[in-house]
Amino acid sequence: MAERTAYQPVHTLKGSWRAVSPKTAESLSAVAFYFARKLEGETHVPIGVVVDSVGGSAGESWASAAALRPLYDYDIPLAALSRYAAEGGPAYGNYIMPWYDEYDIGLKQDWYSPAHEPSGWKNVRLPGGFAGLGVPVTPAVAWFRKEITLPGPLPGGLTLISLGEIQRMDSVYVNGTFVGGSAWVEHPRIYPIPPGVLKPGRNLIAIRIFKTEPHGGFLDAPSEFQLTLGDHTVIPLAGSWQGRISVDARPPHPMPLHFANWPVMPAVLYNGMLVPVAPLSIAGAIWYQGAQNSPRGYEYRRLLPAVIGSWRRLFAQGDFPFYIVQLPAFGPRSSRPTDDGWADIRESQAIVAASVPHSCLAVSIDTGDANSLHPGNKKPVGERLALCALARYYGTRVADSGPTVASVNRLPHSIRIRFAHADSGLVAKGGELQGFSIAGQDRNWHWADARIRGSTVTVSSPEVPRPTQVRYDWQSDPAATLFNGAGLPAGPFRTDKWPLVTQDERPY
């Protein structure tokens, strides 16, 4: 399915069927590929996959407005959705683009165009620039322009413009052509310039920056600010530019509800990408999403059932299987027991999989990459989803779950946990159990010694003489050492019911 956002349900299909081959597999979801390949290999039935996905999207974007209204967490964005639909403007699917359309003078006056005659612009130095424009620490949208002269003929090959890291949003134009933009803070901005955009002689580079934090704007050293031609010639871009404020976004100026420039509005992907495909008969759905919702991971246990319910009502094929990938490891590993949103949302995913009929959880805690939201090892993720389908849909006798807590026995100086789905006994990957923490009534967590015996794990710590609660792998990037005899990992869990770090977080 082609990416499409819509403020109201649409019924025109955008997409095409492709036969899977080494050439076409590059554009297929890797998780879906490994899922389907294992199913076909086990069932000897051809498997068709509908790829309905948008990177970085929010869970609520894939639910119907009707399913979200009873939650009351989305009243504000649903009102904005209705307003945008009534206005009839472009269905961006986010809040920042219509905000720009309404307030960005530079966009309205084509400040990115070589034909624009600058008036009221100041000479500033980049990286930097905002101090020279009078907004050193306050939110603002600024445009910057610079002319460069290139010799001819220009070399062939890939030409890149590099700006380093930027907070918060950037849009980059070359000779009036948009070449790239992002709202991500944590990666350098490097955009390819399409062939034919640059020319020998004078060329205009225009950059729009929306900074929202005092330290915002351009974050890297001048050496990261450059143009690289196809023959690897580097042209420095740091130094003198022209700059002008377009939107002084200091309060009380209205701000957008969210700063992402990708689909985050409720229902917009449901309307644009699910409704058109719903006439198809499907066997089930696999769901790999959650990073965007992790800052409110506790709320996800209410949101995800709404997503599932809206899909099942839309396709009108009963409670078809809905299999959920639990988020993998990501981010820096904490040296001490901690709380974070990734642990919270993993618990929400496990609760939904255990409570919503015909659902299943594929634990991927051991497949992550501390430095990437998109870890490269997708094969075990897809194959674990396939195990869910083989066991629960096709009736194959196969293990589809790692160890899960069956009972908790609190002893005088330790806690013994008995696990279901041990499958020939528990296993410590690497030879030593890690990731268990233990606490007493003071709610202070300490790392615990953990020992396997059959289908049980006993945890203790000399720092907690009277333990009451246990947690396992309760952080964004845990060690993931507890497996069963079938080679499937245990997901993070806790025995306590204490408040979580995201418990009071709401989307708006």
Protein backbone atom coordinates (compact mmCIF):
# COMPACT_ATOMS: atom_id res chain seq x y z
CA MET A 1 0.00 0.00 0.00
CA ALA A 2 1.28 3.45 -0.91
CA GLU A 3 1.53 5.87 2.00
CA ARG A 4 -1.57 8.02 2.20
CA THR A 5 -3.13 10.15 4.91
CA ALA A 6 -6.76 11.21 4.86
CA TYR A 7 -8.98 13.23 7.19
CA GLN A 8 -12.03 11.20 6.18
CA PRO A 9 -12.36 7.57 5.01
CA VAL A 10 -11.38 7.13 1.36
CA HIS A 11 -12.11 4.18 -0.89
CA THR A 12 -9.62 4.56 -3.74
CA LEU A 13 -6.88 1.97 -3.50
CA LYS A 14 -3.26 3.06 -4.00
CA GLY A 15 -0.92 0.10 -4.20
CA SER A 16 0.08 -2.87 -6.31
CA TRP A 17 0.71 -6.58 -6.01
CA ARG A 18 4.29 -7.78 -6.52
CA ALA A 19 5.79 -11.23 -6.72
CA VAL A 20 8.46 -11.56 -4.05
CA SER A 21 11.97 -11.86 -5.47
CA PRO A 22 15.46 -10.73 -4.45
CA LYS A 23 14.78 -7.56 -6.44
CA THR A 24 11.36 -6.70 -5.01
CA ALA A 25 12.04 -7.89 -1.44
CA GLU A 26 13.94 -4.65 -0.74
CA SER A 27 10.63 -2.77 -0.57
CA LEU A 28 8.86 -5.43 1.51
CA SER A 29 8.72 -5.34 5.30
CA ALA A 30 11.52 -7.63 6.51
CA VAL A 31 9.38 -8.83 9.42
CA ALA A 32 6.50 -9.62 7.06
CA PHE A 33 8.87 -11.40 4.65
CA TYR A 34 10.28 -13.75 7.29
CA PHE A 35 6.81 -14.28 8.75
CA ALA A 36 5.34 -15.28 5.39
CA ARG A 37 8.34 -17.35 4.32
CA LYS A 38 8.20 -19.50 7.46
CA LEU A 39 4.45 -19.97 7.15
CA GLU A 40 4.74 -21.00 3.52
CA GLY A 41 7.56 -23.40 4.37
CA GLU A 42 5.55 -25.04 7.15
CA THR A 43 2.08 -25.07 5.58
CA HIS A 44 3.02 -25.36 1.88
CA VAL A 45 0.37 -22.76 1.14
CA PRO A 46 1.29 -19.56 -0.73
CA ILE A 47 1.10 -16.54 1.58
CA GLY A 48 0.06 -13.10 0.36
CA VAL A 49 1.16 -10.12 2.44
CA VAL A 50 -0.47 -6.68 2.43
CA VAL A 51 2.14 -4.21 3.68
CA ASP A 52 0.29 -1.32 5.33
CA SER A 53 3.04 0.55 7.15
CA VAL A 54 4.49 4.01 7.76
CA GLY A 55 7.71 4.43 9.73
CA GLY A 56 7.47 6.50 12.89
CA SER A 57 3.68 6.58 12.89
CA ALA A 58 1.64 6.77 16.07
CA GLY A 59 -0.69 3.97 17.11
CA GLU A 60 -3.71 6.27 17.14
CA SER A 61 -3.14 7.06 13.45
CA TRP A 62 -4.21 3.48 12.68
CA ALA A 63 -7.47 3.54 14.67
CA SER A 64 -10.82 4.89 13.57
CA ALA A 65 -12.06 8.15 15.07
CA ALA A 66 -15.11 6.27 16.36
CA ALA A 67 -12.90 3.83 18.27
CA LEU A 68 -10.84 6.62 19.84
CA ARG A 69 -13.67 8.84 21.05
CA PRO A 70 -14.68 6.61 24.01
CA LEU A 71 -11.11 6.89 25.38
CA TYR A 72 -11.46 10.70 25.79
CA ASP A 73 -7.65 11.01 25.52
CA TYR A 74 -7.92 12.20 21.92
CA ASP A 75 -10.68 14.81 22.11
CA ILE A 76 -8.34 17.69 21.22
CA PRO A 77 -6.71 16.13 18.13
CA LEU A 78 -10.02 14.68 16.95
CA ALA A 79 -11.45 18.21 17.05
CA ALA A 80 -8.47 19.40 14.98
CA LEU A 81 -9.06 16.52 12.56
CA SER A 82 -12.67 17.60 12.08
CA ARG A 83 -11.60 21.21 11.56
CA TYR A 84 -8.97 20.33 8.95
CA ALA A 85 -11.45 18.09 7.16
CA ALA A 86 -14.01 20.92 7.05
CA GLU A 87 -11.42 23.39 5.72
CA GLY A 88 -10.64 21.09 2.83
CA GLY A 89 -6.90 21.71 2.78
CA PRO A 90 -4.17 19.18 2.07
CA ALA A 91 -4.44 16.05 4.24
CA TYR A 92 -0.94 16.25 5.71
CA GLY A 93 -1.72 13.93 8.61
CA ASN A 94 0.32 16.04 11.03
CA TYR A 95 -0.06 19.35 12.82
CA ILE A 96 3.09 21.17 11.80
CA MET A 97 2.39 21.48 8.08
CA PRO A 98 -0.98 23.28 8.39
CA TRP A 99 0.64 25.44 11.10
CA TYR A 100 3.30 26.46 8.60
CA ASP A 101 0.64 27.15 5.98
CA GLU A 102 -1.12 29.48 8.40
CA TYR A 103 1.80 31.31 10.02
CA ASP A 104 5.02 30.93 7.99
CA ILE A 105 5.44 34.19 6.09
CA GLY A 106 8.57 32.87 4.42
CA LEU A 107 6.66 29.99 2.88
CA LYS A 108 3.87 32.28 1.67
CA GLN A 109 6.36 34.71 0.12
CA ASP A 110 8.62 32.04 -1.44
CA TRP A 111 11.75 32.96 0.52
CA TYR A 112 13.27 29.72 -0.78
CA SER A 113 13.04 30.90 -4.41
CA PRO A 114 15.91 32.51 -6.39
CA ALA A 115 13.28 34.93 -7.71
CA HIS A 116 12.61 36.33 -4.23
CA GLU A 117 14.22 39.72 -3.59
CA PRO A 118 15.42 39.69 0.07
CA SER A 119 14.31 42.67 2.14
CA GLY A 120 14.90 43.11 5.86
CA TRP A 121 17.35 40.19 6.04
CA LYS A 122 20.36 40.27 8.36
CA ASN A 123 23.87 38.96 7.89
CA VAL A 124 24.42 36.05 10.30
CA ARG A 125 26.89 33.23 10.67
CA LEU A 126 25.95 29.55 10.40
CA PRO A 127 26.01 27.30 12.30
CA GLY A 128 24.34 29.64 14.77
CA GLY A 129 22.27 32.45 13.39
CA PHE A 130 19.43 32.75 15.87
CA ALA A 131 21.29 35.04 18.26
CA GLY A 132 21.93 37.47 15.40
CA LEU A 133 18.21 37.47 14.67
CA GLY A 134 17.28 38.36 18.26
CA VAL A 135 15.90 34.99 19.38
CA PRO A 136 18.86 33.26 21.03
CA VAL A 137 16.82 31.06 23.42
CA THR A 138 13.15 31.39 22.46
CA PRO A 139 11.10 29.36 19.94
CA ALA A 140 11.19 30.77 16.43
CA VAL A 141 11.02 29.90 12.76
CA ALA A 142 13.86 31.41 10.77
CA TRP A 143 14.93 31.23 7.15
CA PHE A 144 18.54 31.36 6.00
CA ARG A 145 19.81 31.93 2.46
CA LYS A 146 23.23 31.62 0.88
CA GLU A 147 24.46 31.88 -2.71
CA ILE A 148 27.35 29.73 -3.84
CA THR A 149 29.15 29.69 -7.17
CA LEU A 150 30.01 26.34 -8.75
CA PRO A 151 32.38 25.73 -11.65
CA GLY A 152 31.27 23.92 -14.79
CA PRO A 153 30.83 21.30 -15.86
CA LEU A 154 29.47 19.80 -12.65
CA PRO A 155 30.66 16.25 -11.91
CA GLY A 156 28.24 13.36 -12.14
CA GLY A 157 27.39 11.12 -9.22
CA LEU A 158 25.62 11.61 -5.91
CA THR A 159 25.63 15.16 -4.52
CA LEU A 160 24.89 15.63 -0.82
CA ILE A 161 24.16 18.60 1.41
CA SER A 162 25.14 18.06 5.06
CA LEU A 163 23.99 20.28 7.92
CA GLY A 164 24.83 18.23 11.02
CA GLU A 165 22.27 17.69 13.77
CA ILE A 166 19.41 20.16 14.07
CA GLN A 167 16.81 20.88 16.74
CA ARG A 168 13.89 20.74 15.94
CA MET A 169 12.77 20.90 12.31
CA ASP A 170 14.43 21.76 9.04
CA SER A 171 13.37 22.17 5.42
CA VAL A 172 16.08 22.54 2.80
CA TYR A 173 15.72 24.01 -0.71
CA VAL A 174 18.28 24.28 -3.51
CA ASN A 175 17.47 26.66 -6.36
CA GLY A 176 13.85 26.63 -5.24
CA THR A 177 13.59 22.82 -5.18
CA PHE A 178 12.82 21.06 -1.90
CA VAL A 179 15.57 18.48 -1.31
CA GLY A 180 14.93 17.29 2.26
CA GLY A 181 13.52 17.92 5.69
CA SER A 182 13.22 16.24 9.05
CA ALA A 183 11.90 16.60 12.57
CA TRP A 184 14.29 14.07 14.17
CA VAL A 185 16.83 15.52 16.58
CA GLU A 186 19.08 12.51 16.98
CA HIS A 187 20.59 12.16 13.52
CA PRO A 188 22.63 14.41 11.20
CA ARG A 189 20.81 16.01 8.29
CA ILE A 190 22.27 14.67 5.05
CA TYR A 191 20.12 15.08 1.94
CA PRO A 192 20.77 14.02 -1.67
CA ILE A 193 20.32 16.75 -4.28
CA PRO A 194 18.52 15.40 -7.34
CA PRO A 195 20.35 15.54 -10.68
CA GLY A 196 19.82 18.77 -12.57
CA VAL A 197 19.00 20.91 -9.52
CA LEU A 198 22.50 22.37 -9.17
CA LYS A 199 24.01 24.21 -12.13
CA PRO A 200 27.33 25.85 -13.02
CA GLY A 201 27.47 29.42 -11.75
CA ARG A 202 25.26 30.89 -9.02
CA ASN A 203 23.12 28.56 -6.86
CA LEU A 204 20.82 29.41 -3.96
CA ILE A 205 20.57 27.31 -0.80
CA ALA A 206 17.66 28.14 1.53
CA ILE A 207 17.04 26.53 4.91
CA ARG A 208 14.03 26.90 7.19
CA ILE A 209 14.60 26.02 10.86
CA PHE A 210 11.98 25.79 13.59
CA LYS A 211 13.79 25.63 16.92
CA THR A 212 11.79 24.96 20.06
CA GLU A 213 14.45 24.70 22.78
CA PRO A 214 16.98 27.27 24.09
CA HIS A 215 19.85 25.16 22.74
CA GLY A 216 18.04 24.56 19.44
CA GLY A 217 18.95 25.24 15.87
CA PHE A 218 22.20 23.99 14.38
CA LEU A 219 23.94 21.71 16.88
CA ASP A 220 27.14 20.54 15.16
CA ALA A 221 30.52 22.08 14.38
CA PRO A 222 31.11 24.16 11.23
CA SER A 223 33.03 21.25 9.71
CA GLU A 224 29.71 19.31 9.41
CA PHE A 225 28.21 22.10 7.30
CA GLN A 226 29.08 21.30 3.69
CA LEU A 227 28.15 20.38 0.14
CA THR A 228 29.76 17.25 -1.32
CA LEU A 229 29.76 16.98 -5.13
CA GLY A 230 29.67 13.76 -7.09
CA ASP A 231 33.46 13.63 -7.40
CA HIS A 232 33.78 14.00 -3.58
CA THR A 233 34.78 17.66 -3.80
CA VAL A 234 33.74 19.28 -0.50
CA ILE A 235 32.46 22.85 -0.50
CA PRO A 236 32.23 24.36 3.01
CA LEU A 237 28.93 26.10 3.76
CA ALA A 238 29.72 27.49 7.22
CA GLY A 239 30.17 31.23 7.54
CA SER A 240 28.18 34.16 6.26
CA TRP A 241 24.48 33.71 5.42
CA GLN A 242 21.43 35.94 5.28
CA GLY A 243 18.73 35.27 7.87
CA ARG A 244 15.25 36.47 8.76
CA ILE A 245 12.61 35.50 11.33
CA SER A 246 9.42 34.24 9.75
CA VAL A 247 7.44 33.23 12.85
CA ASP A 248 8.40 34.47 16.30
CA ALA A 249 6.80 31.56 18.11
CA ARG A 250 7.21 32.87 21.63
CA PRO A 251 4.07 32.70 23.80
CA PRO A 252 1.30 33.72 23.43
CA HIS A 253 1.75 32.79 19.79
CA PRO A 254 -0.15 29.52 19.15
CA MET A 255 2.01 26.45 18.71
CA PRO A 256 1.21 23.22 16.84
CA LEU A 257 -0.10 20.29 18.85
CA HIS A 258 2.90 18.17 17.78
CA PHE A 259 6.12 18.95 15.92
CA ALA A 260 6.44 15.80 13.78
CA ASN A 261 6.30 16.20 10.01
CA TRP A 262 5.14 12.61 9.47
CA PRO A 263 1.67 11.10 10.16
CA VAL A 264 0.79 11.37 13.86
CA MET A 265 -2.80 12.59 13.77
CA PRO A 266 -5.49 10.15 14.94
CA ALA A 267 -7.25 8.10 12.26
CA VAL A 268 -5.41 9.53 9.24
CA LEU A 269 -3.68 6.28 8.26
CA TYR A 270 -6.75 4.23 9.11
CA ASN A 271 -8.76 6.45 6.75
CA GLY A 272 -6.17 6.55 3.97
CA MET A 273 -4.53 3.11 4.04
CA LEU A 274 -6.83 0.64 5.82
CA VAL A 275 -10.31 1.59 4.66
CA PRO A 276 -9.42 1.20 0.96
CA VAL A 277 -8.03 -2.33 1.46
CA ALA A 278 -10.77 -3.57 3.76
CA PRO A 279 -12.81 -5.28 1.00
CA LEU A 280 -10.04 -7.88 0.84
CA SER A 281 -10.41 -11.09 2.83
CA ILE A 282 -7.53 -11.48 5.28
CA ALA A 283 -6.42 -14.26 7.60
CA GLY A 284 -4.99 -11.96 10.26
CA ALA A 285 -2.72 -9.02 11.08
CA ILE A 286 0.81 -8.62 12.45
CA TRP A 287 1.60 -5.39 14.31
CA TYR A 288 5.06 -3.91 14.88
CA GLN A 289 4.60 -0.43 16.35
CA GLY A 290 5.08 1.39 19.63
CA ALA A 291 8.23 3.52 19.69
CA GLN A 292 6.27 6.69 18.90
CA ASN A 293 3.90 5.92 21.80
CA SER A 294 6.56 4.97 24.36
CA PRO A 295 6.50 8.34 26.20
CA ARG A 296 2.95 7.33 27.23
CA GLY A 297 3.51 3.60 27.39
CA TYR A 298 0.93 3.00 30.14
CA GLU A 299 -1.85 4.59 28.08
CA TYR A 300 -1.03 2.17 25.24
CA ARG A 301 -2.88 -0.63 27.04
CA ARG A 302 -6.07 1.33 26.36
CA LEU A 303 -5.12 2.50 22.87
CA LEU A 304 -4.06 -0.79 21.29
CA PRO A 305 -7.36 -2.60 22.01
CA ALA A 306 -9.11 0.33 20.32
CA VAL A 307 -6.87 -0.15 17.27
CA ILE A 308 -7.59 -3.89 17.17
CA GLY A 309 -11.32 -3.40 17.62
CA SER A 310 -11.50 -0.82 14.83
CA TRP A 311 -9.65 -3.13 12.42
CA ARG A 312 -11.92 -6.06 13.21
CA ARG A 313 -15.05 -3.96 12.75
CA LEU A 314 -13.72 -2.55 9.47
CA PHE A 315 -12.89 -5.90 7.86
CA ALA A 316 -16.08 -7.52 9.23
CA GLN A 317 -14.46 -10.95 9.41
CA GLY A 318 -14.89 -11.59 13.12
CA ASP A 319 -12.09 -11.59 15.66
CA PHE A 320 -9.33 -12.42 13.20
CA PRO A 321 -5.84 -13.06 14.66
CA PHE A 322 -3.87 -9.99 15.68
CA TYR A 323 -0.23 -10.74 16.56
CA ILE A 324 1.87 -8.11 18.34
CA VAL A 325 5.64 -7.58 18.35
CA GLN A 326 6.89 -6.49 21.75
CA LEU A 327 9.42 -3.68 21.32
CA PRO A 328 13.08 -4.77 21.10
CA ALA A 329 15.97 -3.41 23.13
CA PHE A 330 17.02 0.15 22.30
CA GLY A 331 19.03 3.00 23.81
CA PRO A 332 21.75 3.17 26.48
CA ARG A 333 21.79 0.39 29.05
CA SER A 334 21.31 1.56 32.63
CA SER A 335 23.84 0.33 35.16
CA ARG A 336 21.20 0.56 37.90
CA PRO A 337 17.58 -0.60 38.09
CA THR A 338 15.47 2.09 36.50
CA ASP A 339 12.11 3.03 35.02
CA ASP A 340 11.40 4.18 31.49
CA GLY A 341 8.64 4.36 28.91
CA TRP A 342 9.95 1.45 26.85
CA ALA A 343 9.47 -0.89 29.80
CA ASP A 344 5.98 0.49 30.33
CA ILE A 345 4.88 0.03 26.73
CA ARG A 346 6.27 -3.52 26.63
CA GLU A 347 4.09 -4.35 29.61
CA SER A 348 1.10 -2.78 27.86
CA GLN A 349 1.77 -4.87 24.76
CA ALA A 350 1.95 -8.04 26.87
CA ILE A 351 -1.29 -7.19 28.70
CA VAL A 352 -3.13 -6.56 25.43
CA ALA A 353 -1.85 -9.80 23.89
CA ALA A 354 -2.98 -11.74 26.98
CA SER A 355 -6.40 -10.10 27.27
CA VAL A 356 -7.66 -9.44 23.74
CA PRO A 357 -9.08 -12.63 22.16
CA HIS A 358 -7.07 -14.24 19.37
CA SER A 359 -3.97 -12.16 20.06
CA CYS A 360 -0.39 -13.29 20.57
CA LEU A 361 2.87 -11.66 21.66
CA ALA A 362 6.16 -12.09 19.80
CA VAL A 363 8.94 -11.11 22.22
CA SER A 364 11.88 -9.44 20.46
CA ILE A 365 13.81 -8.17 23.48
CA ASP A 366 16.97 -10.02 22.36
CA THR A 367 16.95 -8.69 18.77
CA GLY A 368 17.42 -4.97 19.36
CA ASP A 369 20.16 -2.50 18.59
CA ALA A 370 21.09 0.02 21.27
CA ASN A 371 21.88 2.60 18.57
CA SER A 372 19.00 2.10 16.16
CA LEU A 373 15.22 2.20 16.35
CA HIS A 374 15.23 -0.15 13.37
CA PRO A 375 17.48 -3.09 14.27
CA GLY A 376 18.67 -5.13 11.33
CA ASN A 377 17.98 -8.60 12.75
CA LYS A 378 14.34 -9.05 11.68
CA LYS A 379 14.39 -12.79 10.98
CA PRO A 380 13.66 -13.99 14.55
CA VAL A 381 10.93 -11.36 14.88
CA GLY A 382 9.10 -12.52 11.76
CA GLU A 383 9.58 -16.18 12.60
CA ARG A 384 8.27 -15.75 16.16
CA LEU A 385 5.15 -14.14 14.74
CA ALA A 386 4.88 -17.14 12.45
CA LEU A 387 5.05 -19.43 15.49
CA CYS A 388 2.00 -17.60 16.85
CA ALA A 389 0.15 -18.30 13.61
CA LEU A 390 1.29 -21.93 13.38
CA ALA A 391 0.27 -22.72 16.95
CA ARG A 392 -2.92 -20.69 17.23
CA TYR A 393 -4.31 -20.47 13.71
CA TYR A 394 -3.04 -23.60 11.95
CA GLY A 395 -3.09 -25.86 15.03
CA THR A 396 0.52 -26.99 14.71
CA ARG A 397 2.16 -28.42 17.85
CA VAL A 398 4.93 -25.86 18.25
CA ALA A 399 6.12 -23.58 21.07
CA ASP A 400 4.98 -20.02 20.41
CA SER A 401 5.97 -18.29 23.66
CA GLY A 402 8.97 -17.78 25.85
CA PRO A 403 8.74 -18.22 29.65
CA THR A 404 5.87 -16.36 31.32
CA VAL A 405 5.20 -15.94 35.02
CA ALA A 406 2.86 -18.62 36.39
CA SER A 407 3.20 -18.02 40.15
CA VAL A 408 5.24 -16.04 42.68
CA ASN A 409 6.27 -17.49 46.05
CA ARG A 410 7.67 -15.00 48.55
CA LEU A 411 10.15 -16.76 50.88
CA PRO A 412 11.79 -15.27 54.01
CA HIS A 413 14.86 -13.93 52.17
CA SER A 414 14.15 -14.57 48.50
CA ILE A 415 11.41 -14.84 45.91
CA ARG A 416 10.78 -17.91 43.76
CA ILE A 417 9.06 -17.48 40.42
CA ARG A 418 7.54 -20.41 38.58
CA PHE A 419 7.24 -20.09 34.82
CA ALA A 420 4.84 -21.49 32.30
CA HIS A 421 6.09 -22.24 28.79
CA ALA A 422 9.42 -23.45 30.17
CA ASP A 423 9.58 -26.12 27.39
CA SER A 424 12.19 -28.60 28.66
CA GLY A 425 13.52 -26.22 31.30
CA LEU A 426 14.73 -22.66 31.62
CA VAL A 427 18.04 -21.55 30.10
CA ALA A 428 20.43 -18.71 30.98
CA LYS A 429 21.78 -17.38 27.72
CA GLY A 430 25.50 -16.82 28.11
CA GLY A 431 25.55 -18.95 31.24
CA GLU A 432 24.47 -16.30 33.76
CA LEU A 433 21.08 -14.78 34.48
CA GLN A 434 21.09 -10.98 34.42
CA GLY A 435 18.44 -8.30 34.50
CA PHE A 436 16.60 -9.36 37.68
CA SER A 437 16.06 -6.68 40.31
CA ILE A 438 14.46 -7.02 43.72
CA ALA A 439 12.86 -4.63 46.22
CA GLY A 440 11.28 -4.60 49.65
CA GLN A 441 8.50 -2.48 51.05
CA ASP A 442 10.72 0.61 50.74
CA ARG A 443 10.41 0.27 46.92
CA ASN A 444 14.16 0.66 46.43
CA TRP A 445 15.35 -1.63 43.66
CA HIS A 446 18.64 -3.56 43.73
CA TRP A 447 20.15 -6.01 41.29
CA ALA A 448 19.46 -9.57 42.36
CA ASP A 449 21.24 -12.90 42.19
CA ALA A 450 19.09 -15.24 40.12
CA ARG A 451 19.32 -19.04 39.96
CA ILE A 452 17.46 -21.49 37.74
CA ARG A 453 16.04 -24.74 39.00
CA GLY A 454 13.83 -26.58 36.52
CA SER A 455 10.98 -24.23 35.64
CA THR A 456 11.67 -21.80 38.51
CA VAL A 457 13.99 -18.89 39.15
CA THR A 458 14.92 -17.87 42.71
CA VAL A 459 16.10 -14.29 43.21
CA SER A 460 17.70 -12.70 46.25
CA SER A 461 20.02 -9.91 47.31
CA PRO A 462 21.94 -9.27 50.56
CA GLU A 463 20.85 -5.62 50.22
CA VAL A 464 17.17 -6.63 50.44
CA PRO A 465 16.77 -8.99 53.42
CA ARG A 466 12.94 -9.06 53.18
CA PRO A 467 12.10 -8.83 49.48
CA THR A 468 8.54 -8.39 48.28
CA GLN A 469 8.77 -7.69 44.52
CA VAL A 470 10.79 -8.68 41.45
CA ARG A 471 11.32 -7.13 38.04
CA TYR A 472 13.07 -8.59 35.02
CA ASP A 473 14.62 -6.64 32.11
CA TRP A 474 12.79 -3.51 33.22
CA GLN A 475 14.63 -0.94 31.12
CA SER A 476 14.89 0.11 27.47
CA ASP A 477 18.03 -1.93 26.69
CA PRO A 478 18.18 -4.96 29.01
CA ALA A 479 20.50 -7.96 28.85
CA ALA A 480 17.79 -10.51 27.83
CA THR A 481 19.26 -13.73 29.25
CA LEU A 482 16.24 -15.84 30.29
CA PHE A 483 15.05 -18.32 27.61
CA ASN A 484 13.18 -21.58 27.50
CA GLY A 485 14.30 -24.89 26.03
CA ALA A 486 12.68 -23.99 22.71
CA GLY A 487 15.02 -21.00 22.35
CA LEU A 488 12.37 -18.32 22.95
CA PRO A 489 13.09 -15.40 25.31
CA ALA A 490 11.10 -14.29 28.33
CA GLY A 491 9.64 -10.84 27.99
CA PRO A 492 10.16 -8.15 30.63
CA PHE A 493 7.84 -8.47 33.61
CA ARG A 494 7.22 -7.21 37.14
CA THR A 495 5.40 -8.60 40.16
CA ASP A 496 4.64 -5.20 41.72
CA LYS A 497 1.65 -2.97 41.07
CA TRP A 498 3.45 0.25 41.94
CA PRO A 499 2.89 3.36 39.77
CA LEU A 500 4.84 3.44 36.52
CA VAL A 501 6.79 6.36 35.15
CA THR A 502 4.30 6.99 32.30
CA GLN A 503 1.13 6.20 34.25
CA ASP A 504 -0.12 9.80 34.31
CA GLU A 505 1.06 10.73 30.83
CA ARG A 506 -1.65 11.53 28.33
CA PRO A 507 -1.28 12.31 24.62
CA TYR A 508 -2.78 15.82 24.79
